[in-house]
Amino acid sequence: MPENRKLAAILAADVVGYSKLAGSDEDRTLSRLRGLRSDLVDPAIAAHHGRVVKRTGDGILIEFRSVVDAVRCAIEVQNGMAERNAGLPPERRIVGCGNLCSRKRQHARIDIDGYDPPGHATA
């Protein structure tokens, strides 16, 4: 039986500190997260030929045909989130963080809105 293979880039991302944000104001956090998904994240995924594989409460797993598409999508989301967070106090900012992997086991960390947890190198 022939084996079907394809090269893919996978972007996994979630909201940093989601539990804390939701704990302080669940309704506002959920509303803002839904708005970010519909106005920023989902259009960026579509524009860069991505396919949502799975969504979790505050996370998402996305497949792209190329690493270039995945990185461009991540940059678009990063820039959009920075714009939307401008002027908000740090405790109300929705900040995303993700990892990007390709089939060749190349790995790059994508930090959205400048978040870099201790011990993680940024590429």
C-alpha atoms as a PDB file:
ATOM      1  CA  MET A   1       0.000   0.000   0.000  1.00  0.00           C
ATOM      2  CA  PRO A   2       1.559   3.366  -1.011  1.00  0.00           C
ATOM      3  CA  GLU A   3       2.193   5.780   1.828  1.00  0.00           C
ATOM      4  CA  ASN A   4       0.839   9.310   1.427  1.00  0.00           C
ATOM      5  CA  ARG A   5       3.102  11.979   2.866  1.00  0.00           C
ATOM      6  CA  LYS A   6       3.019  15.718   2.805  1.00  0.00           C
ATOM      7  CA  LEU A   7       5.201  18.467   4.096  1.00  0.00           C
ATOM      8  CA  ALA A   8       3.413  20.588   6.667  1.00  0.00           C
ATOM      9  CA  ALA A   9       4.150  23.269   9.211  1.00  0.00           C
ATOM     10  CA  ILE A  10       2.203  23.118  12.457  1.00  0.00           C
ATOM     11  CA  LEU A  11       1.562  26.169  14.612  1.00  0.00           C
ATOM     12  CA  ALA A  12       0.334  25.570  18.154  1.00  0.00           C
ATOM     13  CA  ALA A  13      -0.667  28.644  20.144  1.00  0.00           C
ATOM     14  CA  ASP A  14      -2.531  29.574  23.281  1.00  0.00           C
ATOM     15  CA  VAL A  15      -3.265  32.550  25.515  1.00  0.00           C
ATOM     16  CA  VAL A  16      -0.678  33.231  28.192  1.00  0.00           C
ATOM     17  CA  GLY A  17      -2.242  33.498  31.643  1.00  0.00           C
ATOM     18  CA  TYR A  18      -5.730  32.658  30.388  1.00  0.00           C
ATOM     19  CA  SER A  19      -6.888  31.235  33.714  1.00  0.00           C
ATOM     20  CA  LYS A  20      -5.852  34.380  35.541  1.00  0.00           C
ATOM     21  CA  LEU A  21      -7.547  36.616  32.952  1.00  0.00           C
ATOM     22  CA  ALA A  22     -10.746  34.566  33.038  1.00  0.00           C
ATOM     23  CA  GLY A  23     -10.646  34.417  36.821  1.00  0.00           C
ATOM     24  CA  SER A  24     -10.616  38.199  37.116  1.00  0.00           C
ATOM     25  CA  ASP A  25     -13.352  38.818  34.517  1.00  0.00           C
ATOM     26  CA  GLU A  26     -14.556  35.740  32.645  1.00  0.00           C
ATOM     27  CA  ASP A  27     -17.230  37.460  30.537  1.00  0.00           C
ATOM     28  CA  ARG A  28     -14.920  40.203  29.264  1.00  0.00           C
ATOM     29  CA  THR A  29     -12.074  37.737  28.615  1.00  0.00           C
ATOM     30  CA  LEU A  30     -14.303  35.373  26.620  1.00  0.00           C
ATOM     31  CA  SER A  31     -15.791  38.263  24.664  1.00  0.00           C
ATOM     32  CA  ARG A  32     -12.362  39.663  23.788  1.00  0.00           C
ATOM     33  CA  LEU A  33     -11.046  36.205  22.868  1.00  0.00           C
ATOM     34  CA  ARG A  34     -14.013  35.575  20.542  1.00  0.00           C
ATOM     35  CA  GLY A  35     -13.468  38.983  18.965  1.00  0.00           C
ATOM     36  CA  LEU A  36      -9.768  38.294  18.416  1.00  0.00           C
ATOM     37  CA  ARG A  37     -10.566  34.960  16.805  1.00  0.00           C
ATOM     38  CA  SER A  38     -13.219  36.308  14.453  1.00  0.00           C
ATOM     39  CA  ASP A  39     -11.587  39.648  13.588  1.00  0.00           C
ATOM     40  CA  LEU A  40      -7.892  38.729  13.575  1.00  0.00           C
ATOM     41  CA  VAL A  41      -6.886  35.098  14.012  1.00  0.00           C
ATOM     42  CA  ASP A  42      -9.334  33.330  11.678  1.00  0.00           C
ATOM     43  CA  PRO A  43      -8.870  35.822   8.803  1.00  0.00           C
ATOM     44  CA  ALA A  44      -5.067  35.565   9.159  1.00  0.00           C
ATOM     45  CA  ILE A  45      -5.250  31.767   9.059  1.00  0.00           C
ATOM     46  CA  ALA A  46      -7.361  31.890   5.894  1.00  0.00           C
ATOM     47  CA  ALA A  47      -5.158  34.532   4.239  1.00  0.00           C
ATOM     48  CA  HIS A  48      -2.081  32.371   4.774  1.00  0.00           C
ATOM     49  CA  HIS A  49      -3.664  29.087   3.654  1.00  0.00           C
ATOM     50  CA  GLY A  50      -3.886  27.551   7.102  1.00  0.00           C
ATOM     51  CA  ARG A  51      -6.265  24.886   8.311  1.00  0.00           C
ATOM     52  CA  VAL A  52      -7.447  24.691  11.904  1.00  0.00           C
ATOM     53  CA  VAL A  53      -6.814  21.165  13.141  1.00  0.00           C
ATOM     54  CA  LYS A  54      -8.099  21.655  16.674  1.00  0.00           C
ATOM     55  CA  ARG A  55      -9.300  24.367  19.024  1.00  0.00           C
ATOM     56  CA  THR A  56      -9.202  24.192  22.777  1.00  0.00           C
ATOM     57  CA  GLY A  57     -10.608  26.772  25.188  1.00  0.00           C
ATOM     58  CA  ASP A  58      -7.760  29.231  24.741  1.00  0.00           C
ATOM     59  CA  GLY A  59      -5.585  27.339  22.266  1.00  0.00           C
ATOM     60  CA  ILE A  60      -5.403  26.403  18.630  1.00  0.00           C
ATOM     61  CA  LEU A  61      -3.506  23.925  16.456  1.00  0.00           C
ATOM     62  CA  ILE A  62      -3.093  25.023  12.824  1.00  0.00           C
ATOM     63  CA  GLU A  63      -1.597  23.267   9.789  1.00  0.00           C
ATOM     64  CA  PHE A  64       0.046  25.229   6.967  1.00  0.00           C
ATOM     65  CA  ARG A  65       1.410  24.065   3.635  1.00  0.00           C
ATOM     66  CA  SER A  66       4.664  25.890   4.243  1.00  0.00           C
ATOM     67  CA  VAL A  67       6.742  27.297   7.066  1.00  0.00           C
ATOM     68  CA  VAL A  68       6.681  30.667   5.300  1.00  0.00           C
ATOM     69  CA  ASP A  69       2.862  30.775   5.441  1.00  0.00           C
ATOM     70  CA  ALA A  70       2.903  29.796   9.122  1.00  0.00           C
ATOM     71  CA  VAL A  71       5.450  32.457  10.052  1.00  0.00           C
ATOM     72  CA  ARG A  72       3.630  35.146   8.066  1.00  0.00           C
ATOM     73  CA  CYS A  73       0.385  34.232   9.801  1.00  0.00           C
ATOM     74  CA  ALA A  74       2.059  34.350  13.223  1.00  0.00           C
ATOM     75  CA  ILE A  75       3.575  37.767  12.464  1.00  0.00           C
ATOM     76  CA  GLU A  76       0.211  39.133  11.293  1.00  0.00           C
ATOM     77  CA  VAL A  77      -1.474  37.891  14.473  1.00  0.00           C
ATOM     78  CA  GLN A  78       1.395  39.191  16.615  1.00  0.00           C
ATOM     79  CA  ASN A  79       1.161  42.672  15.099  1.00  0.00           C
ATOM     80  CA  GLY A  80      -2.628  42.712  15.361  1.00  0.00           C
ATOM     81  CA  MET A  81      -2.573  41.669  19.001  1.00  0.00           C
ATOM     82  CA  ALA A  82      -0.004  44.351  19.822  1.00  0.00           C
ATOM     83  CA  GLU A  83      -2.313  46.967  18.261  1.00  0.00           C
ATOM     84  CA  ARG A  84      -5.334  45.686  20.181  1.00  0.00           C
ATOM     85  CA  ASN A  85      -3.427  45.577  23.467  1.00  0.00           C
ATOM     86  CA  ALA A  86      -2.054  49.108  23.121  1.00  0.00           C
ATOM     87  CA  GLY A  87      -3.270  51.260  25.978  1.00  0.00           C
ATOM     88  CA  LEU A  88      -4.525  48.343  28.066  1.00  0.00           C
ATOM     89  CA  PRO A  89      -3.001  47.694  31.463  1.00  0.00           C
ATOM     90  CA  PRO A  90      -0.777  44.571  31.486  1.00  0.00           C
ATOM     91  CA  GLU A  91      -3.247  42.577  33.573  1.00  0.00           C
ATOM     92  CA  ARG A  92      -5.945  42.959  30.868  1.00  0.00           C
ATOM     93  CA  ARG A  93      -3.812  42.193  27.806  1.00  0.00           C
ATOM     94  CA  ILE A  94      -4.491  39.030  25.868  1.00  0.00           C
ATOM     95  CA  VAL A  95      -1.087  37.712  24.879  1.00  0.00           C
ATOM     96  CA  GLY A  96      -0.523  34.641  22.755  1.00  0.00           C
ATOM     97  CA  CYS A  97       2.397  32.272  22.650  1.00  0.00           C
ATOM     98  CA  GLY A  98       3.067  29.471  20.200  1.00  0.00           C
ATOM     99  CA  ASN A  99       5.433  26.956  18.697  1.00  0.00           C
ATOM    100  CA  LEU A 100       6.031  26.194  15.036  1.00  0.00           C
ATOM    101  CA  CYS A 101       7.243  22.806  13.792  1.00  0.00           C
ATOM    102  CA  SER A 102       7.833  21.541  10.276  1.00  0.00           C
ATOM    103  CA  ARG A 103       7.956  17.956   9.005  1.00  0.00           C
ATOM    104  CA  LYS A 104      11.763  18.136   8.879  1.00  0.00           C
ATOM    105  CA  ARG A 105      11.775  18.584  12.642  1.00  0.00           C
ATOM    106  CA  GLN A 106      12.909  22.160  12.382  1.00  0.00           C
ATOM    107  CA  HIS A 107      11.546  24.026  15.335  1.00  0.00           C
ATOM    108  CA  ALA A 108      11.092  27.722  16.000  1.00  0.00           C
ATOM    109  CA  ARG A 109       9.373  29.399  18.901  1.00  0.00           C
ATOM    110  CA  ILE A 110       6.939  32.141  17.968  1.00  0.00           C
ATOM    111  CA  ASP A 111       6.278  34.599  20.763  1.00  0.00           C
ATOM    112  CA  ILE A 112       3.250  36.753  20.201  1.00  0.00           C
ATOM    113  CA  ASP A 113       3.296  40.248  21.684  1.00  0.00           C
ATOM    114  CA  GLY A 114       6.748  39.830  23.181  1.00  0.00           C
ATOM    115  CA  TYR A 115       6.009  37.181  25.800  1.00  0.00           C
ATOM    116  CA  ASP A 116       8.998  34.912  26.419  1.00  0.00           C
ATOM    117  CA  PRO A 117       8.672  32.540  29.358  1.00  0.00           C
ATOM    118  CA  PRO A 118      11.854  31.832  31.322  1.00  0.00           C
ATOM    119  CA  GLY A 119      14.000  29.108  29.785  1.00  0.00           C
ATOM    120  CA  HIS A 120      12.599  29.461  26.257  1.00  0.00           C
ATOM    121  CA  ALA A 121      14.764  30.720  23.434  1.00  0.00           C
ATOM    122  CA  THR A 122      13.202  32.799  20.690  1.00  0.00           C
ATOM    123  CA  ALA A 123      14.035  32.169  17.043  1.00  0.00           C
END
